[in-house]
């Protein structure tokens, strides 16, 4: 069991939230709150860098969907970067990869 850590930074395309640890029922609310509190302007991209993610359950998936909803409501978009293989498999199985773009690299310049 690993605590969730969320670190924010800015990129040319918009804000980046680096998510590490376990994104599960105990702490998915933290990502949901952090993502929906992120200020976005129309045309910006919210990048969720998941390179440090160790585990993600259905509550974590719900938090990712909430982040997507927040971004699109504000006229921005969202991308998931460096998604670990086990989570990537789940995202593809449930079809979330058809709604939220997935990128193998966490470099914001590669996501432009």
C-alpha atoms as a PDB file:
ATOM      1  CA  UNK A   1       0.000   0.000   0.000  1.00  0.00           C
ATOM      2  CA  UNK A   2       1.436   3.316  -1.135  1.00  0.00           C
ATOM      3  CA  UNK A   3       0.143   6.771  -0.256  1.00  0.00           C
ATOM      4  CA  UNK A   4      -1.104   8.946  -3.095  1.00  0.00           C
ATOM      5  CA  UNK A   5       1.051  11.931  -3.949  1.00  0.00           C
ATOM      6  CA  UNK A   6      -0.015  14.632  -6.403  1.00  0.00           C
ATOM      7  CA  UNK A   7       2.455  17.265  -7.557  1.00  0.00           C
ATOM      8  CA  UNK A   8       1.465  20.140  -9.819  1.00  0.00           C
ATOM      9  CA  UNK A   9       3.633  21.901 -12.364  1.00  0.00           C
ATOM     10  CA  UNK A  10       3.041  24.063 -15.400  1.00  0.00           C
ATOM     11  CA  UNK A  11       3.835  23.242 -19.004  1.00  0.00           C
ATOM     12  CA  UNK A  12       3.413  25.233 -22.198  1.00  0.00           C
ATOM     13  CA  UNK A  13       0.197  23.325 -22.971  1.00  0.00           C
ATOM     14  CA  UNK A  14      -1.301  23.773 -19.490  1.00  0.00           C
ATOM     15  CA  UNK A  15      -1.091  22.305 -16.013  1.00  0.00           C
ATOM     16  CA  UNK A  16       0.449  18.917 -15.279  1.00  0.00           C
ATOM     17  CA  UNK A  17      -0.542  16.823 -12.284  1.00  0.00           C
ATOM     18  CA  UNK A  18       2.019  14.137 -11.473  1.00  0.00           C
ATOM     19  CA  UNK A  19       0.236  11.279  -9.724  1.00  0.00           C
ATOM     20  CA  UNK A  20       2.162   8.636  -7.806  1.00  0.00           C
ATOM     21  CA  UNK A  21       1.237   5.886  -5.382  1.00  0.00           C
ATOM     22  CA  UNK A  22      -2.111   4.125  -5.090  1.00  0.00           C
ATOM     23  CA  UNK A  23      -5.178   5.694  -6.674  1.00  0.00           C
ATOM     24  CA  UNK A  24      -7.834   3.697  -4.874  1.00  0.00           C
ATOM     25  CA  UNK A  25     -11.019   3.979  -2.816  1.00  0.00           C
ATOM     26  CA  UNK A  26      -9.068   5.420   0.131  1.00  0.00           C
ATOM     27  CA  UNK A  27      -7.670   8.410  -1.707  1.00  0.00           C
ATOM     28  CA  UNK A  28      -9.231   8.831  -5.170  1.00  0.00           C
ATOM     29  CA  UNK A  29     -11.128  11.784  -3.722  1.00  0.00           C
ATOM     30  CA  UNK A  30      -7.808  13.640  -3.420  1.00  0.00           C
ATOM     31  CA  UNK A  31      -7.199  13.431  -7.170  1.00  0.00           C
ATOM     32  CA  UNK A  32     -10.806  14.314  -7.930  1.00  0.00           C
ATOM     33  CA  UNK A  33     -10.592  17.418  -5.705  1.00  0.00           C
ATOM     34  CA  UNK A  34      -7.174  18.445  -6.990  1.00  0.00           C
ATOM     35  CA  UNK A  35      -8.109  18.000 -10.648  1.00  0.00           C
ATOM     36  CA  UNK A  36     -11.433  19.825 -10.356  1.00  0.00           C
ATOM     37  CA  UNK A  37      -9.753  22.697  -8.483  1.00  0.00           C
ATOM     38  CA  UNK A  38      -7.184  23.096 -11.264  1.00  0.00           C
ATOM     39  CA  UNK A  39      -7.712  26.327 -13.177  1.00  0.00           C
ATOM     40  CA  UNK A  40      -7.960  25.714 -16.907  1.00  0.00           C
ATOM     41  CA  UNK A  41      -8.508  28.111 -19.779  1.00  0.00           C
ATOM     42  CA  UNK A  42     -10.210  27.113 -23.018  1.00  0.00           C
ATOM     43  CA  UNK A  43      -7.727  25.386 -25.302  1.00  0.00           C
ATOM     44  CA  UNK A  44      -5.382  24.306 -22.533  1.00  0.00           C
ATOM     45  CA  UNK A  45      -4.570  20.676 -21.844  1.00  0.00           C
ATOM     46  CA  UNK A  46      -4.574  19.133 -18.389  1.00  0.00           C
ATOM     47  CA  UNK A  47      -1.975  16.390 -18.349  1.00  0.00           C
ATOM     48  CA  UNK A  48      -2.170  13.671 -15.733  1.00  0.00           C
ATOM     49  CA  UNK A  49       1.299  12.144 -15.568  1.00  0.00           C
ATOM     50  CA  UNK A  50       0.716   8.651 -14.213  1.00  0.00           C
ATOM     51  CA  UNK A  51       4.314   7.438 -14.467  1.00  0.00           C
ATOM     52  CA  UNK A  52       4.468   6.986 -10.678  1.00  0.00           C
ATOM     53  CA  UNK A  53       1.093   5.274 -10.361  1.00  0.00           C
ATOM     54  CA  UNK A  54       1.371   1.927  -8.574  1.00  0.00           C
ATOM     55  CA  UNK A  55      -2.281   0.865  -8.406  1.00  0.00           C
ATOM     56  CA  UNK A  56      -5.641   2.090  -9.685  1.00  0.00           C
ATOM     57  CA  UNK A  57      -9.075   0.698  -8.811  1.00  0.00           C
ATOM     58  CA  UNK A  58     -12.560   1.696  -9.978  1.00  0.00           C
ATOM     59  CA  UNK A  59     -12.570   4.718  -7.653  1.00  0.00           C
ATOM     60  CA  UNK A  60      -9.396   5.896  -9.342  1.00  0.00           C
ATOM     61  CA  UNK A  61     -10.982   5.411 -12.761  1.00  0.00           C
ATOM     62  CA  UNK A  62     -13.917   7.527 -11.572  1.00  0.00           C
ATOM     63  CA  UNK A  63     -11.496  10.270 -10.517  1.00  0.00           C
ATOM     64  CA  UNK A  64      -9.916  10.221 -13.995  1.00  0.00           C
ATOM     65  CA  UNK A  65     -13.367  10.551 -15.539  1.00  0.00           C
ATOM     66  CA  UNK A  66     -14.163  13.473 -13.206  1.00  0.00           C
ATOM     67  CA  UNK A  67     -10.932  15.189 -14.325  1.00  0.00           C
ATOM     68  CA  UNK A  68     -11.977  14.673 -17.957  1.00  0.00           C
ATOM     69  CA  UNK A  69     -15.399  16.159 -17.249  1.00  0.00           C
ATOM     70  CA  UNK A  70     -13.845  19.160 -15.494  1.00  0.00           C
ATOM     71  CA  UNK A  71     -11.491  19.880 -18.392  1.00  0.00           C
ATOM     72  CA  UNK A  72     -14.098  19.544 -21.131  1.00  0.00           C
ATOM     73  CA  UNK A  73     -16.633  21.631 -19.208  1.00  0.00           C
ATOM     74  CA  UNK A  74     -14.113  24.489 -19.226  1.00  0.00           C
ATOM     75  CA  UNK A  75     -13.335  24.130 -22.936  1.00  0.00           C
ATOM     76  CA  UNK A  76      -9.986  22.495 -22.256  1.00  0.00           C
ATOM     77  CA  UNK A  77      -8.885  18.930 -22.883  1.00  0.00           C
ATOM     78  CA  UNK A  78      -7.027  16.266 -20.994  1.00  0.00           C
ATOM     79  CA  UNK A  79      -4.402  13.614 -21.656  1.00  0.00           C
ATOM     80  CA  UNK A  80      -3.064  10.739 -19.589  1.00  0.00           C
ATOM     81  CA  UNK A  81       0.684  10.328 -19.899  1.00  0.00           C
ATOM     82  CA  UNK A  82       3.029   7.449 -19.087  1.00  0.00           C
ATOM     83  CA  UNK A  83       0.233   5.147 -17.948  1.00  0.00           C
ATOM     84  CA  UNK A  84       1.663   1.982 -16.323  1.00  0.00           C
ATOM     85  CA  UNK A  85       0.918  -1.262 -18.198  1.00  0.00           C
ATOM     86  CA  UNK A  86      -1.613  -2.759 -15.722  1.00  0.00           C
ATOM     87  CA  UNK A  87      -3.655   0.466 -15.664  1.00  0.00           C
ATOM     88  CA  UNK A  88      -3.295   0.907 -19.412  1.00  0.00           C
ATOM     89  CA  UNK A  89      -4.801  -2.538 -19.932  1.00  0.00           C
ATOM     90  CA  UNK A  90      -7.809  -1.656 -17.786  1.00  0.00           C
ATOM     91  CA  UNK A  91      -8.319   1.704 -19.508  1.00  0.00           C
ATOM     92  CA  UNK A  92      -8.342  -0.045 -22.873  1.00  0.00           C
ATOM     93  CA  UNK A  93     -10.698  -2.796 -21.676  1.00  0.00           C
ATOM     94  CA  UNK A  94     -13.281  -0.297 -20.456  1.00  0.00           C
ATOM     95  CA  UNK A  95     -12.845   1.960 -23.497  1.00  0.00           C
ATOM     96  CA  UNK A  96     -11.574   5.008 -21.647  1.00  0.00           C
ATOM     97  CA  UNK A  97      -8.735   5.244 -24.168  1.00  0.00           C
ATOM     98  CA  UNK A  98     -11.351   6.239 -26.765  1.00  0.00           C
ATOM     99  CA  UNK A  99     -12.410   9.206 -24.628  1.00  0.00           C
ATOM    100  CA  UNK A 100      -9.161  10.396 -23.037  1.00  0.00           C
ATOM    101  CA  UNK A 101      -5.984  10.440 -25.159  1.00  0.00           C
ATOM    102  CA  UNK A 102      -3.181   8.249 -23.805  1.00  0.00           C
ATOM    103  CA  UNK A 103       0.472   9.067 -24.420  1.00  0.00           C
ATOM    104  CA  UNK A 104       3.426   6.812 -23.668  1.00  0.00           C
ATOM    105  CA  UNK A 105       5.669   9.746 -22.719  1.00  0.00           C
ATOM    106  CA  UNK A 106       5.228  12.169 -19.843  1.00  0.00           C
ATOM    107  CA  UNK A 107       7.116  14.964 -21.642  1.00  0.00           C
ATOM    108  CA  UNK A 108       4.542  17.788 -22.120  1.00  0.00           C
ATOM    109  CA  UNK A 109       6.236  18.941 -25.332  1.00  0.00           C
ATOM    110  CA  UNK A 110       5.523  15.523 -26.853  1.00  0.00           C
ATOM    111  CA  UNK A 111       1.837  15.961 -26.050  1.00  0.00           C
ATOM    112  CA  UNK A 112       1.354  19.216 -27.968  1.00  0.00           C
END
